[in-house]
C-alpha atoms as a PDB file:
ATOM      1  CA  MET A   1     -11.021   2.017 -17.049  1.00  0.00           C
ATOM      2  CA  SER A   2     -13.250   2.394 -14.023  1.00  0.00           C
ATOM      3  CA  GLU A   3     -11.979   4.058 -10.884  1.00  0.00           C
ATOM      4  CA  ARG A   4     -10.910   1.590  -8.249  1.00  0.00           C
ATOM      5  CA  SER A   5     -11.295   2.193  -4.554  1.00  0.00           C
ATOM      6  CA  THR A   6      -8.236   2.590  -2.375  1.00  0.00           C
ATOM      7  CA  HIS A   7      -9.054  -0.739  -0.751  1.00  0.00           C
ATOM      8  CA  GLU A   8      -9.128  -2.467  -4.158  1.00  0.00           C
ATOM      9  CA  LEU A   9      -5.800  -0.870  -5.119  1.00  0.00           C
ATOM     10  CA  VAL A  10      -4.234  -2.003  -1.838  1.00  0.00           C
ATOM     11  CA  GLU A  11      -5.497  -5.561  -2.308  1.00  0.00           C
ATOM     12  CA  ALA A  12      -4.272  -5.687  -5.911  1.00  0.00           C
ATOM     13  CA  TYR A  13      -0.836  -4.341  -4.970  1.00  0.00           C
ATOM     14  CA  VAL A  14      -0.396  -6.746  -2.053  1.00  0.00           C
ATOM     15  CA  LEU A  15      -1.461  -9.717  -4.152  1.00  0.00           C
ATOM     16  CA  SER A  16       0.974  -8.677  -6.884  1.00  0.00           C
ATOM     17  CA  ARG A  17       3.826  -8.884  -4.344  1.00  0.00           C
ATOM     18  CA  ARG A  18       3.045 -12.392  -3.024  1.00  0.00           C
ATOM     19  CA  LYS A  19       6.104 -13.981  -4.625  1.00  0.00           C
ATOM     20  CA  ALA A  20       8.505 -11.194  -3.677  1.00  0.00           C
ATOM     21  CA  LYS A  21      10.834 -11.521  -0.688  1.00  0.00           C
ATOM     22  CA  HIS A  22       8.905  -8.750   1.067  1.00  0.00           C
ATOM     23  CA  LEU A  23       6.556  -5.838   0.478  1.00  0.00           C
ATOM     24  CA  SER A  24       7.845  -2.334   1.190  1.00  0.00           C
ATOM     25  CA  THR A  25       5.095  -0.159   2.656  1.00  0.00           C
ATOM     26  CA  HIS A  26       6.944   2.912   1.360  1.00  0.00           C
ATOM     27  CA  LEU A  27       6.982   1.617  -2.225  1.00  0.00           C
ATOM     28  CA  ALA A  28       3.404   0.391  -1.923  1.00  0.00           C
ATOM     29  CA  ILE A  29       2.211   3.849  -0.858  1.00  0.00           C
ATOM     30  CA  ARG A  30       4.090   5.477  -3.739  1.00  0.00           C
ATOM     31  CA  ALA A  31       2.614   3.016  -6.261  1.00  0.00           C
ATOM     32  CA  ILE A  32      -0.929   3.408  -4.949  1.00  0.00           C
ATOM     33  CA  ARG A  33      -0.631   7.215  -4.846  1.00  0.00           C
ATOM     34  CA  THR A  34       0.523   7.137  -8.475  1.00  0.00           C
ATOM     35  CA  LEU A  35      -2.668   5.312  -9.468  1.00  0.00           C
ATOM     36  CA  SER A  36      -4.943   7.275  -7.148  1.00  0.00           C
ATOM     37  CA  PRO A  37      -3.373  10.613  -6.186  1.00  0.00           C
ATOM     38  CA  ALA A  38      -6.544  12.009  -4.597  1.00  0.00           C
ATOM     39  CA  PRO A  39      -6.074  11.814  -0.831  1.00  0.00           C
ATOM     40  CA  GLU A  40      -9.019   9.609   0.209  1.00  0.00           C
ATOM     41  CA  VAL A  41      -6.958   8.529   3.194  1.00  0.00           C
ATOM     42  CA  SER A  42      -3.767   9.715   4.856  1.00  0.00           C
ATOM     43  CA  ASP A  43      -0.472   7.931   4.258  1.00  0.00           C
ATOM     44  CA  ARG A  44      -0.702   6.544   7.792  1.00  0.00           C
ATOM     45  CA  GLU A  45      -4.160   5.092   7.111  1.00  0.00           C
ATOM     46  CA  LEU A  46      -2.939   3.744   3.785  1.00  0.00           C
ATOM     47  CA  GLU A  47       0.054   2.126   5.505  1.00  0.00           C
ATOM     48  CA  ASP A  48      -2.331   0.445   7.984  1.00  0.00           C
ATOM     49  CA  MET A  49      -4.460  -0.844   5.099  1.00  0.00           C
ATOM     50  CA  ILE A  50      -1.372  -2.242   3.347  1.00  0.00           C
ATOM     51  CA  GLU A  51      -0.117  -3.916   6.538  1.00  0.00           C
ATOM     52  CA  THR A  52      -3.523  -5.476   7.221  1.00  0.00           C
ATOM     53  CA  ALA A  53      -3.861  -6.802   3.664  1.00  0.00           C
ATOM     54  CA  ALA A  54      -0.303  -8.159   3.698  1.00  0.00           C
ATOM     55  CA  ILE A  55      -0.934 -10.001   6.972  1.00  0.00           C
ATOM     56  CA  GLU A  56      -4.228 -11.402   5.659  1.00  0.00           C
ATOM     57  CA  HIS A  57      -2.455 -12.708   2.528  1.00  0.00           C
ATOM     58  CA  GLY A  58       0.715 -13.918   4.266  1.00  0.00           C
ATOM     59  CA  VAL A  59       3.012 -11.388   2.575  1.00  0.00           C
ATOM     60  CA  ALA A  60       6.154 -10.300   4.465  1.00  0.00           C
ATOM     61  CA  ILE A  61       6.322  -6.556   5.164  1.00  0.00           C
ATOM     62  CA  ALA A  62       9.191  -4.043   5.263  1.00  0.00           C
ATOM     63  CA  LEU A  63       7.801  -1.218   7.407  1.00  0.00           C
ATOM     64  CA  LEU A  64       8.470   2.489   7.088  1.00  0.00           C
ATOM     65  CA  ARG A  65      11.006   3.617   9.663  1.00  0.00           C
ATOM     66  CA  ASN A  66       9.574   7.117   9.845  1.00  0.00           C
ATOM     67  CA  ARG A  67       5.833   7.765  10.123  1.00  0.00           C
ATOM     68  CA  ARG A  68       5.966  11.144   8.352  1.00  0.00           C
ATOM     69  CA  GLU A  69       3.889  11.693   5.250  1.00  0.00           C
ATOM     70  CA  ILE A  70       5.527  10.594   2.018  1.00  0.00           C
ATOM     71  CA  ASN A  71       6.149  13.416  -0.437  1.00  0.00           C
ATOM     72  CA  LEU A  72       6.013  12.375  -4.068  1.00  0.00           C
END
């Protein structure tokens, strides 16, 4: 399997959640970090990418309440 960019992982995750009631940014970050643990971007940057993709695809978002880094 070829390595996928963080952007591709974000897009794939958001699209996979289209039919769900909402997308949790916290769970999205955890899922994406599981697939790509190398820190290309910070959790904050990743959260922004997820929010942008969700808005672009019309997916409802449940935002993180605390902006601290997520420890897995």
